Amino acid sequence: MANLVQYMTTKHSRAHAGFTICERGLLAICAGFIALAAIDPQQCAGQSQEPAPTATALPLVHPGAGQESGPPLTLTLRDAIDRAQKYDATYWSSVLDARIAREDAVIARAGILPAVSESTQELLTKGNGALPSGRFVTNDGVHVYREWGIVHQDLSPNTYMLYGLRRASVAVALANAKAEIAKRGLVVAVTKAYYGLVVAQRKYATAQLSLDTASHFLEITRDRDRLGEAAHSDTVKAELQSEQQKQAFQEAQLDMDSARIALGILVLPNFSENIAVVDDLSSAQPLPTFEDVRAMASRGNPTLRAAIEATHQARVEVAASKLYFLPTITLEADNGIEANQFALRGHIASDSDPHRLLPQLGFFVTGTLNFPVFDWGASRAKYRQNVYKAQQAQVELTQTQREMLSNLYSYYNEALAAKSEQETLHHAAELAAESLRLTGLRYQAGESTAQELVDAQLALTQARNADDDGQLRYRTALANLQTLTGKF
């Protein structure tokens, strides 16, 4: 293609004396169209971080304008995902829920073990002036001191059948599954925003090239029209195309700015647009076979795992609710001092011998057996509630399994179609570039009209944009499929 442009330029230079100004301009515009067909807008996309200062650029407002210093933050997709995980509120909420569930498991484990505590009391009562025990019969003296070490243990069915710990363990697994669901959903959102910006930059580069070509074509056509060497209808068509390209360029500028803002919200802690992305859209990974994808989905689908854990949780609650009908036992052992003096040996106020010191360190054990007798049907109601919840969880699990299979086929077929369409669209873009090149040569030879040249240029722009959209569709389809399978 470069040789062709060089050949046309050389030929044009050699025949300089034999051509009029408009004829030389016509050759220049044809060479420009051919060069446009040879230019890959993807090469310009990485350099089009901000709109070039042109007369048709929209005066868009930007957050933090005039406050940003230094080059933009350049991100890969992996960088964008890592940064989004630091700032996304929904993802962090699921992560914190998982951490809270793990702490609940620690609490539940502690609940089945004996609890050890220490208690210090001083009971000061009013004396009656006659008896050393004072006027309150609960004390054996006016002053009573208590220093106890207490060991408390509940021997209920909930303790020795470990239902509290089982319930907490299932809750941890459920919270972890929900956190993984949120993580994969965030990856899809970041992937769409990241490659949405890449495609917007490509379309902006294509629109900029198309606008430059249309403006040059309009200028040459007007010169030929003034000299009577071209029909006025060609000027009208050229002006119409130029206006359409101006509008398309401004829309591309707006789309690129909006895409950068959408990505900046996800990956930056403050509201800013000072970011740049690496254009690796064309280097997407291949699509695995359906057998491999199905095997990965059966092992690593967090949505299905969450539904299974919810079913386990409901079954544990049903079993635990049966404990409402069983007796509970509580044992408490207290060892320490309960005396009228805070000492290991002392005088007891009720003792007739005021000089005798007796040991004051001792222990006592309290055992409580509690039988449920009647609670107006509350325990049975709680049991039936948990049974209904277990039935609901089973129905939801079955529904989730069906939806997982449906989504697996749907997402895989979407990725398969996007992959096939991507190859077709890329070939169509190549054909459109070749068509523009040939139409430019035919227009130079007087065998085609200006309208055909304009149509060929518009077809190339549309084909390139469709090619970029197709690559974005394939990337998005892969991200959606990986919500079921995990990364492959």
Foldseek 3Di string as FASTA:
>chain_A
DVVVLVVLVVVCVVCVVVDDPLLSLLSVLLSLLLVLLVDQLLVCLQVPLDPDDDPLADPDDFPCPPNDDDAFAEDELVLLLVLLCVAPPVLVVLVVQLVVLVVQLVVLVVQLDKDKDKDKDKAAAAAPVPAQQRPDPVGLHRIKIDIKIKIKHKPACCNVVVLSNLLSVLSNQLSVLVSLLVSLVSSLQLLLLQLLLSLLSSLLSLLVSQLVSLVSQLVSQVVCVVVVNDDVVLNVVSVVSNVVSSVSNNVSNVSNSVSLQSSCVSRPPDRGSRYGYDPPLVVDDDDDDLVVLVVLLVVDQSVLSSLVSQLVSLVSQLVVLVSVQPKMKMKMKIWAFIARDRDQWAAHSNDPDRPDIDGGTDMDMDMDIDGDDDDPCPSVVSNVVSVVSSVVSVVVSVVSVVVLVVLLVVLSVQLVVLVVVLVVLVVQLSVLSVLLSVVSVCVSVVNDDSVSNSVSSVSNSVSSSVNSVSSSSNSSSVSSSCSSRPDD
